[in-house]
Amino acid sequence: ETRERLIKQIARNRKFAEYIKQKNNYKCELCGRNPFIQRNGRPY
């Protein structure tokens, strides 16, 4: 079964998110965990 939905959400700037992740080397600021590597070879 498929459904069609109309949603309204706040537009986010993906460049800000990427900047924050790169600035912190993708390391968690709360627990200090290093990122895992995704199938595409990039850190998550």
All heavy atoms as atom14 arrays in JSON, in Angstrom:
{
  "sequence": "ETRERLIKQIARNRKFAEYIKQKNNYKCELCGRNPFIQRNGRPY",
  "atom14_mask": [
    [1, 1, 1, 1, 1, 1, 1, 1, 1, 0, 0, 0, 0, 0],
    [1, 1, 1, 1, 1, 1, 1, 0, 0, 0, 0, 0, 0, 0],
    [1, 1, 1, 1, 1, 1, 1, 1, 1, 1, 1, 0, 0, 0],
    [1, 1, 1, 1, 1, 1, 1, 1, 1, 0, 0, 0, 0, 0],
    [1, 1, 1, 1, 1, 1, 1, 1, 1, 1, 1, 0, 0, 0],
    [1, 1, 1, 1, 1, 1, 1, 1, 0, 0, 0, 0, 0, 0],
    [1, 1, 1, 1, 1, 1, 1, 1, 0, 0, 0, 0, 0, 0],
    [1, 1, 1, 1, 1, 1, 1, 1, 1, 0, 0, 0, 0, 0],
    [1, 1, 1, 1, 1, 1, 1, 1, 1, 0, 0, 0, 0, 0],
    [1, 1, 1, 1, 1, 1, 1, 1, 0, 0, 0, 0, 0, 0],
    [1, 1, 1, 1, 1, 0, 0, 0, 0, 0, 0, 0, 0, 0],
    [1, 1, 1, 1, 1, 1, 1, 1, 1, 1, 1, 0, 0, 0],
    [1, 1, 1, 1, 1, 1, 1, 1, 0, 0, 0, 0, 0, 0],
    [1, 1, 1, 1, 1, 1, 1, 1, 1, 1, 1, 0, 0, 0],
    [1, 1, 1, 1, 1, 1, 1, 1, 1, 0, 0, 0, 0, 0],
    [1, 1, 1, 1, 1, 1, 1, 1, 1, 1, 1, 0, 0, 0],
    [1, 1, 1, 1, 1, 0, 0, 0, 0, 0, 0, 0, 0, 0],
    [1, 1, 1, 1, 1, 1, 1, 1, 1, 0, 0, 0, 0, 0],
    [1, 1, 1, 1, 1, 1, 1, 1, 1, 1, 1, 1, 0, 0],
    [1, 1, 1, 1, 1, 1, 1, 1, 0, 0, 0, 0, 0, 0],
    [1, 1, 1, 1, 1, 1, 1, 1, 1, 0, 0, 0, 0, 0],
    [1, 1, 1, 1, 1, 1, 1, 1, 1, 0, 0, 0, 0, 0],
    [1, 1, 1, 1, 1, 1, 1, 1, 1, 0, 0, 0, 0, 0],
    [1, 1, 1, 1, 1, 1, 1, 1, 0, 0, 0, 0, 0, 0],
    [1, 1, 1, 1, 1, 1, 1, 1, 0, 0, 0, 0, 0, 0],
    [1, 1, 1, 1, 1, 1, 1, 1, 1, 1, 1, 1, 0, 0],
    [1, 1, 1, 1, 1, 1, 1, 1, 1, 0, 0, 0, 0, 0],
    [1, 1, 1, 1, 1, 1, 0, 0, 0, 0, 0, 0, 0, 0],
    [1, 1, 1, 1, 1, 1, 1, 1, 1, 0, 0, 0, 0, 0],
    [1, 1, 1, 1, 1, 1, 1, 1, 0, 0, 0, 0, 0, 0],
    [1, 1, 1, 1, 1, 1, 0, 0, 0, 0, 0, 0, 0, 0],
    [1, 1, 1, 1, 0, 0, 0, 0, 0, 0, 0, 0, 0, 0],
    [1, 1, 1, 1, 1, 1, 1, 1, 1, 1, 1, 0, 0, 0],
    [1, 1, 1, 1, 1, 1, 1, 1, 0, 0, 0, 0, 0, 0],
    [1, 1, 1, 1, 1, 1, 1, 0, 0, 0, 0, 0, 0, 0],
    [1, 1, 1, 1, 1, 1, 1, 1, 1, 1, 1, 0, 0, 0],
    [1, 1, 1, 1, 1, 1, 1, 1, 0, 0, 0, 0, 0, 0],
    [1, 1, 1, 1, 1, 1, 1, 1, 1, 0, 0, 0, 0, 0],
    [1, 1, 1, 1, 1, 1, 1, 1, 1, 1, 1, 0, 0, 0],
    [1, 1, 1, 1, 1, 1, 1, 1, 0, 0, 0, 0, 0, 0],
    [1, 1, 1, 1, 0, 0, 0, 0, 0, 0, 0, 0, 0, 0],
    [1, 1, 1, 1, 1, 1, 1, 1, 1, 1, 1, 0, 0, 0],
    [1, 1, 1, 1, 1, 1, 1, 0, 0, 0, 0, 0, 0, 0],
    [1, 1, 1, 1, 1, 1, 1, 1, 1, 1, 1, 1, 0, 0]
  ],
  "atom14_positions": [
    [[0.84, -1.2, 0.0], [0.0, 0.0, 0.0], [0.88, 1.25, 0.0], [1.9, 1.3, 0.67], [-0.87, -0.01, 1.27], [-1.81, 1.16, 1.36], [-2.65, 1.13, 2.64], [-2.77, 0.07, 3.25], [-3.14, 2.21, 3.0], [0.0, 0.0, 0.0], [0.0, 0.0, 0.0], [0.0, 0.0, 0.0], [0.0, 0.0, 0.0], [0.0, 0.0, 0.0]],
    [[0.51, 2.23, -0.78], [1.23, 3.5, -0.78], [0.27, 4.61, -0.38], [-0.93, 4.51, -0.59], [1.83, 3.82, -2.17], [0.78, 3.92, -3.12], [2.82, 2.75, -2.6], [0.0, 0.0, 0.0], [0.0, 0.0, 0.0], [0.0, 0.0, 0.0], [0.0, 0.0, 0.0], [0.0, 0.0, 0.0], [0.0, 0.0, 0.0], [0.0, 0.0, 0.0]],
    [[0.84, 5.64, 0.21], [0.06, 6.81, 0.63], [0.77, 8.05, 0.17], [2.0, 8.1, 0.13], [-0.06, 6.86, 2.15], [-0.82, 5.72, 2.73], [-0.94, 5.88, 4.23], [-1.56, 4.66, 4.76], [-1.27, 4.12, 5.91], [-0.37, 4.67, 6.68], [-1.87, 3.04, 6.32], [0.0, 0.0, 0.0], [0.0, 0.0, 0.0], [0.0, 0.0, 0.0]],
    [[0.02, 9.07, -0.1], [0.59, 10.36, -0.46], [0.34, 11.31, 0.7], [-0.74, 11.34, 1.27], [-0.08, 10.89, -1.72], [0.66, 12.03, -2.34], [0.09, 12.38, -3.7], [-0.18, 11.47, -4.49], [-0.08, 13.59, -3.95], [0.0, 0.0, 0.0], [0.0, 0.0, 0.0], [0.0, 0.0, 0.0], [0.0, 0.0, 0.0], [0.0, 0.0, 0.0]],
    [[1.38, 12.06, 1.1], [1.28, 12.98, 2.22], [1.79, 14.36, 1.85], [2.76, 14.48, 1.12], [2.17, 12.5, 3.36], [1.49, 11.72, 4.38], [2.4, 11.68, 5.58], [2.6, 10.28, 5.95], [3.32, 9.89, 6.96], [3.98, 10.76, 7.67], [3.43, 8.64, 7.25], [0.0, 0.0, 0.0], [0.0, 0.0, 0.0], [0.0, 0.0, 0.0]],
    [[1.16, 15.35, 2.39], [1.63, 16.71, 2.24], [2.08, 17.15, 3.62], [1.31, 17.11, 4.58], [0.5, 17.61, 1.73], [0.84, 19.09, 1.58], [1.94, 19.29, 0.55], [-0.4, 19.86, 1.19], [0.0, 0.0, 0.0], [0.0, 0.0, 0.0], [0.0, 0.0, 0.0], [0.0, 0.0, 0.0], [0.0, 0.0, 0.0], [0.0, 0.0, 0.0]],
    [[3.36, 17.51, 3.75], [3.86, 17.92, 5.06], [4.47, 19.32, 4.97], [4.96, 19.73, 3.91], [4.9, 16.94, 5.64], [6.13, 16.84, 4.72], [4.31, 15.59, 5.9], [7.29, 16.12, 5.34], [0.0, 0.0, 0.0], [0.0, 0.0, 0.0], [0.0, 0.0, 0.0], [0.0, 0.0, 0.0], [0.0, 0.0, 0.0], [0.0, 0.0, 0.0]],
    [[4.42, 19.99, 6.07], [5.03, 21.32, 6.17], [6.13, 21.21, 7.21], [5.9, 20.72, 8.3], [3.97, 22.32, 6.64], [4.41, 23.75, 6.64], [3.3, 24.6, 7.22], [3.02, 25.76, 6.33], [1.98, 26.63, 6.88], [0.0, 0.0, 0.0], [0.0, 0.0, 0.0], [0.0, 0.0, 0.0], [0.0, 0.0, 0.0], [0.0, 0.0, 0.0]],
    [[7.35, 21.6, 6.83], [8.45, 21.53, 7.78], [9.37, 22.73, 7.59], [9.37, 23.37, 6.54], [9.22, 20.22, 7.66], [9.86, 19.97, 6.35], [10.45, 18.57, 6.24], [10.59, 18.1, 5.15], [10.8, 17.91, 7.29], [0.0, 0.0, 0.0], [0.0, 0.0, 0.0], [0.0, 0.0, 0.0], [0.0, 0.0, 0.0], [0.0, 0.0, 0.0]],
    [[10.13, 23.0, 8.62], [11.06, 24.13, 8.58], [12.23, 23.76, 7.67], [12.81, 22.69, 7.79], [11.56, 24.44, 10.0], [10.39, 24.89, 10.88], [12.66, 25.5, 9.97], [10.73, 24.97, 12.35], [0.0, 0.0, 0.0], [0.0, 0.0, 0.0], [0.0, 0.0, 0.0], [0.0, 0.0, 0.0], [0.0, 0.0, 0.0], [0.0, 0.0, 0.0]],
    [[12.55, 24.66, 6.76], [13.68, 24.43, 5.84], [14.97, 24.6, 6.62], [15.14, 25.57, 7.36], [13.61, 25.41, 4.69], [0.0, 0.0, 0.0], [0.0, 0.0, 0.0], [0.0, 0.0, 0.0], [0.0, 0.0, 0.0], [0.0, 0.0, 0.0], [0.0, 0.0, 0.0], [0.0, 0.0, 0.0], [0.0, 0.0, 0.0], [0.0, 0.0, 0.0]],
    [[15.86, 23.64, 6.48], [17.15, 23.68, 7.17], [18.28, 23.82, 6.17], [18.19, 23.33, 5.06], [17.35, 22.38, 7.96], [16.29, 22.21, 9.0], [16.45, 20.89, 9.7], [15.31, 20.7, 10.57], [14.88, 19.53, 10.97], [15.48, 18.44, 10.57], [13.84, 19.43, 11.76], [0.0, 0.0, 0.0], [0.0, 0.0, 0.0], [0.0, 0.0, 0.0]],
    [[19.33, 24.47, 6.59], [20.49, 24.65, 5.73], [21.45, 23.47, 5.96], [22.11, 23.4, 6.99], [21.18, 25.98, 6.04], [22.27, 26.3, 5.05], [22.91, 25.41, 4.5], [22.47, 27.58, 4.81], [0.0, 0.0, 0.0], [0.0, 0.0, 0.0], [0.0, 0.0, 0.0], [0.0, 0.0, 0.0], [0.0, 0.0, 0.0], [0.0, 0.0, 0.0]],
    [[21.51, 22.57, 5.01], [22.35, 21.38, 5.13], [23.84, 21.74, 5.24], [24.62, 20.99, 5.8], [22.13, 20.44, 3.95], [20.76, 19.8, 3.97], [20.62, 18.86, 2.78], [19.3, 18.31, 2.68], [18.92, 17.19, 3.27], [19.77, 16.5, 4.0], [17.68, 16.74, 3.12], [0.0, 0.0, 0.0], [0.0, 0.0, 0.0], [0.0, 0.0, 0.0]],
    [[24.22, 22.89, 4.7], [25.63, 23.3, 4.77], [26.03, 23.57, 6.21], [27.16, 23.29, 6.6], [25.86, 24.53, 3.9], [25.82, 24.23, 2.42], [26.07, 25.46, 1.59], [25.97, 25.09, 0.11], [26.15, 26.26, -0.74], [0.0, 0.0, 0.0], [0.0, 0.0, 0.0], [0.0, 0.0, 0.0], [0.0, 0.0, 0.0], [0.0, 0.0, 0.0]],
    [[25.13, 24.1, 7.03], [25.42, 24.33, 8.45], [25.66, 23.0, 9.14], [26.6, 22.84, 9.91], [24.28, 25.06, 9.15], [24.1, 26.5, 8.75], [22.88, 27.12, 8.94], [25.13, 27.25, 8.19], [22.69, 28.44, 8.59], [24.95, 28.57, 7.84], [23.72, 29.18, 8.04], [0.0, 0.0, 0.0], [0.0, 0.0, 0.0], [0.0, 0.0, 0.0]],
    [[24.79, 22.02, 8.87], [24.92, 20.71, 9.5], [26.24, 20.05, 9.1], [26.96, 19.51, 9.95], [23.74, 19.82, 9.1], [0.0, 0.0, 0.0], [0.0, 0.0, 0.0], [0.0, 0.0, 0.0], [0.0, 0.0, 0.0], [0.0, 0.0, 0.0], [0.0, 0.0, 0.0], [0.0, 0.0, 0.0], [0.0, 0.0, 0.0], [0.0, 0.0, 0.0]],
    [[26.59, 20.12, 7.84], [27.84, 19.52, 7.37], [29.04, 20.24, 7.99], [30.02, 19.61, 8.39], [27.91, 19.57, 5.84], [29.02, 18.73, 5.26], [28.99, 17.26, 5.68], [27.89, 16.68, 5.85], [30.09, 16.7, 5.87], [0.0, 0.0, 0.0], [0.0, 0.0, 0.0], [0.0, 0.0, 0.0], [0.0, 0.0, 0.0], [0.0, 0.0, 0.0]],
    [[28.96, 21.55, 8.11], [30.03, 22.34, 8.73], [30.27, 21.87, 10.17], [31.41, 21.66, 10.58], [29.68, 23.83, 8.69], [30.56, 24.67, 9.57], [31.86, 24.99, 9.2], [30.09, 25.14, 10.8], [32.68, 25.75, 10.03], [30.91, 25.9, 11.62], [32.19, 26.2, 11.24], [33.0, 26.95, 12.06], [0.0, 0.0, 0.0], [0.0, 0.0, 0.0]],
    [[29.2, 21.73, 10.95], [29.31, 21.32, 12.36], [29.93, 19.93, 12.46], [30.79, 19.68, 13.31], [27.92, 21.35, 13.04], [27.47, 22.8, 13.23], [27.9, 20.6, 14.37], [28.38, 23.64, 14.11], [0.0, 0.0, 0.0], [0.0, 0.0, 0.0], [0.0, 0.0, 0.0], [0.0, 0.0, 0.0], [0.0, 0.0, 0.0], [0.0, 0.0, 0.0]],
    [[29.49, 19.01, 11.6], [30.04, 17.65, 11.65], [31.53, 17.64, 11.28], [32.33, 17.01, 11.97], [29.22, 16.73, 10.74], [27.81, 16.51, 11.28], [27.05, 15.49, 10.48], [26.39, 16.1, 9.29], [25.5, 15.13, 8.59], [0.0, 0.0, 0.0], [0.0, 0.0, 0.0], [0.0, 0.0, 0.0], [0.0, 0.0, 0.0], [0.0, 0.0, 0.0]],
    [[31.89, 18.35, 10.23], [33.3, 18.4, 9.82], [34.15, 19.08, 10.88], [35.26, 18.62, 11.18], [33.43, 19.12, 8.48], [32.95, 18.3, 7.32], [33.07, 19.06, 6.0], [33.49, 20.2, 5.94], [32.67, 18.4, 4.92], [0.0, 0.0, 0.0], [0.0, 0.0, 0.0], [0.0, 0.0, 0.0], [0.0, 0.0, 0.0], [0.0, 0.0, 0.0]],
    [[33.65, 20.17, 11.45], [34.38, 20.91, 12.49], [34.73, 20.01, 13.67], [35.79, 20.17, 14.28], [33.52, 22.09, 12.95], [34.13, 22.93, 14.04], [33.16, 24.03, 14.44], [33.56, 24.59, 15.79], [32.46, 25.17, 16.51], [0.0, 0.0, 0.0], [0.0, 0.0, 0.0], [0.0, 0.0, 0.0], [0.0, 0.0, 0.0], [0.0, 0.0, 0.0]],
    [[33.86, 19.06, 13.97], [34.07, 18.16, 15.11], [34.6, 16.79, 14.69], [34.57, 15.85, 15.48], [32.76, 18.01, 15.88], [32.38, 19.29, 16.58], [33.0, 19.66, 17.57], [31.4, 20.0, 16.04], [0.0, 0.0, 0.0], [0.0, 0.0, 0.0], [0.0, 0.0, 0.0], [0.0, 0.0, 0.0], [0.0, 0.0, 0.0], [0.0, 0.0, 0.0]],
    [[35.07, 16.69, 13.44], [35.56, 15.42, 12.91], [34.55, 14.29, 13.1], [34.93, 13.15, 13.34], [36.9, 15.04, 13.55], [37.99, 16.0, 13.17], [38.1, 16.41, 12.02], [38.79, 16.4, 14.14], [0.0, 0.0, 0.0], [0.0, 0.0, 0.0], [0.0, 0.0, 0.0], [0.0, 0.0, 0.0], [0.0, 0.0, 0.0], [0.0, 0.0, 0.0]],
    [[33.27, 14.64, 13.03], [32.16, 13.68, 13.13], [32.12, 12.97, 14.48], [31.46, 11.96, 14.64], [32.21, 12.67, 11.98], [32.0, 13.31, 10.63], [33.06, 13.92, 9.96], [30.76, 13.33, 10.03], [32.87, 14.53, 8.72], [30.56, 13.93, 8.79], [31.63, 14.53, 8.15], [31.44, 15.12, 6.93], [0.0, 0.0, 0.0], [0.0, 0.0, 0.0]],
    [[32.81, 13.49, 15.47], [32.86, 12.89, 16.8], [31.73, 13.46, 17.66], [31.49, 14.66, 17.66], [34.22, 13.19, 17.44], [34.48, 12.46, 18.71], [35.91, 12.68, 19.16], [36.21, 11.79, 20.34], [37.62, 11.78, 20.66], [0.0, 0.0, 0.0], [0.0, 0.0, 0.0], [0.0, 0.0, 0.0], [0.0, 0.0, 0.0], [0.0, 0.0, 0.0]],
    [[31.08, 12.59, 18.43], [29.95, 13.0, 19.26], [30.41, 13.95, 20.37], [31.33, 13.63, 21.12], [29.26, 11.78, 19.87], [27.81, 12.21, 20.86], [0.0, 0.0, 0.0], [0.0, 0.0, 0.0], [0.0, 0.0, 0.0], [0.0, 0.0, 0.0], [0.0, 0.0, 0.0], [0.0, 0.0, 0.0], [0.0, 0.0, 0.0], [0.0, 0.0, 0.0]],
    [[29.75, 15.09, 20.47], [30.11, 16.08, 21.48], [29.6, 15.72, 22.88], [30.01, 16.33, 23.86], [29.57, 17.46, 21.08], [30.27, 18.02, 19.86], [29.81, 19.41, 19.52], [29.9, 20.31, 20.38], [29.36, 19.61, 18.37], [0.0, 0.0, 0.0], [0.0, 0.0, 0.0], [0.0, 0.0, 0.0], [0.0, 0.0, 0.0], [0.0, 0.0, 0.0]],
    [[28.72, 14.72, 22.99], [28.23, 14.32, 24.3], [28.98, 13.12, 24.86], [29.45, 13.16, 25.99], [26.73, 14.03, 24.26], [25.82, 15.25, 24.06], [24.36, 14.84, 24.09], [26.1, 16.31, 25.1], [0.0, 0.0, 0.0], [0.0, 0.0, 0.0], [0.0, 0.0, 0.0], [0.0, 0.0, 0.0], [0.0, 0.0, 0.0], [0.0, 0.0, 0.0]],
    [[29.11, 12.06, 24.08], [29.73, 10.84, 24.62], [31.15, 10.62, 24.11], [31.86, 9.75, 24.61], [28.87, 9.61, 24.3], [28.91, 9.09, 22.58], [0.0, 0.0, 0.0], [0.0, 0.0, 0.0], [0.0, 0.0, 0.0], [0.0, 0.0, 0.0], [0.0, 0.0, 0.0], [0.0, 0.0, 0.0], [0.0, 0.0, 0.0], [0.0, 0.0, 0.0]],
    [[31.57, 11.39, 23.1], [32.92, 11.26, 22.57], [33.11, 10.12, 21.58], [34.23, 9.86, 21.15], [0.0, 0.0, 0.0], [0.0, 0.0, 0.0], [0.0, 0.0, 0.0], [0.0, 0.0, 0.0], [0.0, 0.0, 0.0], [0.0, 0.0, 0.0], [0.0, 0.0, 0.0], [0.0, 0.0, 0.0], [0.0, 0.0, 0.0], [0.0, 0.0, 0.0]],
    [[32.01, 9.44, 21.21], [32.1, 8.31, 20.28], [32.55, 8.79, 18.91], [32.09, 9.8, 18.4], [30.72, 7.65, 20.17], [30.7, 6.41, 19.28], [29.32, 5.77, 19.26], [29.05, 5.22, 20.58], [27.83, 5.2, 21.13], [26.8, 5.68, 20.49], [27.66, 4.68, 22.33], [0.0, 0.0, 0.0], [0.0, 0.0, 0.0], [0.0, 0.0, 0.0]],
    [[33.48, 8.03, 18.32], [33.9, 8.3, 16.95], [32.82, 7.82, 15.99], [32.07, 6.91, 16.32], [35.22, 7.59, 16.65], [36.39, 8.26, 17.32], [36.52, 9.48, 17.29], [37.24, 7.49, 17.96], [0.0, 0.0, 0.0], [0.0, 0.0, 0.0], [0.0, 0.0, 0.0], [0.0, 0.0, 0.0], [0.0, 0.0, 0.0], [0.0, 0.0, 0.0]],
    [[32.78, 8.41, 14.8], [31.75, 8.01, 13.85], [32.0, 6.62, 13.29], [33.12, 6.14, 13.3], [31.89, 9.06, 12.74], [33.33, 9.43, 12.78], [33.7, 9.4, 14.24], [0.0, 0.0, 0.0], [0.0, 0.0, 0.0], [0.0, 0.0, 0.0], [0.0, 0.0, 0.0], [0.0, 0.0, 0.0], [0.0, 0.0, 0.0], [0.0, 0.0, 0.0]],
    [[30.93, 5.99, 12.82], [31.12, 4.75, 12.06], [31.21, 5.15, 10.6], [30.81, 6.24, 10.2], [30.01, 3.73, 12.33], [28.64, 4.12, 11.83], [28.27, 3.88, 10.5], [27.7, 4.68, 12.69], [27.0, 4.22, 10.04], [26.44, 5.01, 12.23], [26.09, 4.78, 10.91], [0.0, 0.0, 0.0], [0.0, 0.0, 0.0], [0.0, 0.0, 0.0]],
    [[31.78, 4.28, 9.79], [31.93, 4.55, 8.37], [30.78, 3.9, 7.61], [30.5, 2.72, 7.78], [33.3, 4.04, 7.85], [34.45, 4.67, 8.66], [33.46, 4.33, 6.36], [34.49, 6.18, 8.67], [0.0, 0.0, 0.0], [0.0, 0.0, 0.0], [0.0, 0.0, 0.0], [0.0, 0.0, 0.0], [0.0, 0.0, 0.0], [0.0, 0.0, 0.0]],
    [[30.12, 4.71, 6.8], [28.99, 4.24, 6.01], [29.45, 3.41, 4.81], [30.64, 3.4, 4.48], [28.19, 5.44, 5.5], [27.67, 6.36, 6.6], [27.03, 7.59, 6.02], [25.89, 7.52, 5.57], [27.75, 8.7, 6.01], [0.0, 0.0, 0.0], [0.0, 0.0, 0.0], [0.0, 0.0, 0.0], [0.0, 0.0, 0.0], [0.0, 0.0, 0.0]],
    [[28.52, 2.76, 4.18], [28.83, 1.97, 2.97], [29.48, 2.81, 1.89], [30.27, 2.31, 1.09], [27.55, 1.33, 2.42], [27.02, 0.24, 3.28], [25.8, -0.4, 2.67], [25.25, -1.35, 3.61], [23.97, -1.53, 3.83], [23.08, -0.85, 3.15], [23.57, -2.41, 4.72], [0.0, 0.0, 0.0], [0.0, 0.0, 0.0], [0.0, 0.0, 0.0]],
    [[29.12, 4.11, 1.85], [29.7, 4.99, 0.82], [31.1, 5.48, 1.19], [31.7, 6.28, 0.49], [28.78, 6.18, 0.56], [28.61, 7.1, 1.76], [29.31, 6.99, 2.76], [27.65, 8.01, 1.68], [0.0, 0.0, 0.0], [0.0, 0.0, 0.0], [0.0, 0.0, 0.0], [0.0, 0.0, 0.0], [0.0, 0.0, 0.0], [0.0, 0.0, 0.0]],
    [[31.63, 5.01, 2.35], [32.97, 5.36, 2.77], [33.08, 6.62, 3.6], [34.16, 6.98, 4.06], [0.0, 0.0, 0.0], [0.0, 0.0, 0.0], [0.0, 0.0, 0.0], [0.0, 0.0, 0.0], [0.0, 0.0, 0.0], [0.0, 0.0, 0.0], [0.0, 0.0, 0.0], [0.0, 0.0, 0.0], [0.0, 0.0, 0.0], [0.0, 0.0, 0.0]],
    [[31.96, 7.31, 3.82], [31.97, 8.56, 4.59], [31.61, 8.32, 6.04], [30.82, 7.44, 6.36], [30.97, 9.55, 3.98], [31.35, 9.92, 2.54], [30.57, 11.09, 2.02], [30.89, 12.25, 2.85], [30.02, 13.21, 3.13], [28.79, 13.17, 2.67], [30.37, 14.23, 3.9], [0.0, 0.0, 0.0], [0.0, 0.0, 0.0], [0.0, 0.0, 0.0]],
    [[32.16, 9.12, 6.97], [31.8, 8.99, 8.38], [30.37, 9.44, 8.61], [29.85, 10.3, 7.88], [32.79, 9.92, 9.09], [33.22, 10.9, 8.06], [33.13, 10.2, 6.74], [0.0, 0.0, 0.0], [0.0, 0.0, 0.0], [0.0, 0.0, 0.0], [0.0, 0.0, 0.0], [0.0, 0.0, 0.0], [0.0, 0.0, 0.0], [0.0, 0.0, 0.0]],
    [[29.72, 8.85, 9.63], [28.33, 9.19, 9.93], [28.21, 9.86, 11.29], [28.72, 9.37, 12.29], [27.44, 7.95, 9.92], [25.98, 8.3, 10.15], [25.18, 8.67, 9.1], [25.45, 8.3, 11.44], [23.85, 9.02, 9.31], [24.13, 8.67, 11.66], [23.33, 9.03, 10.59], [22.03, 9.39, 10.79], [0.0, 0.0, 0.0], [0.0, 0.0, 0.0]]
  ]
}
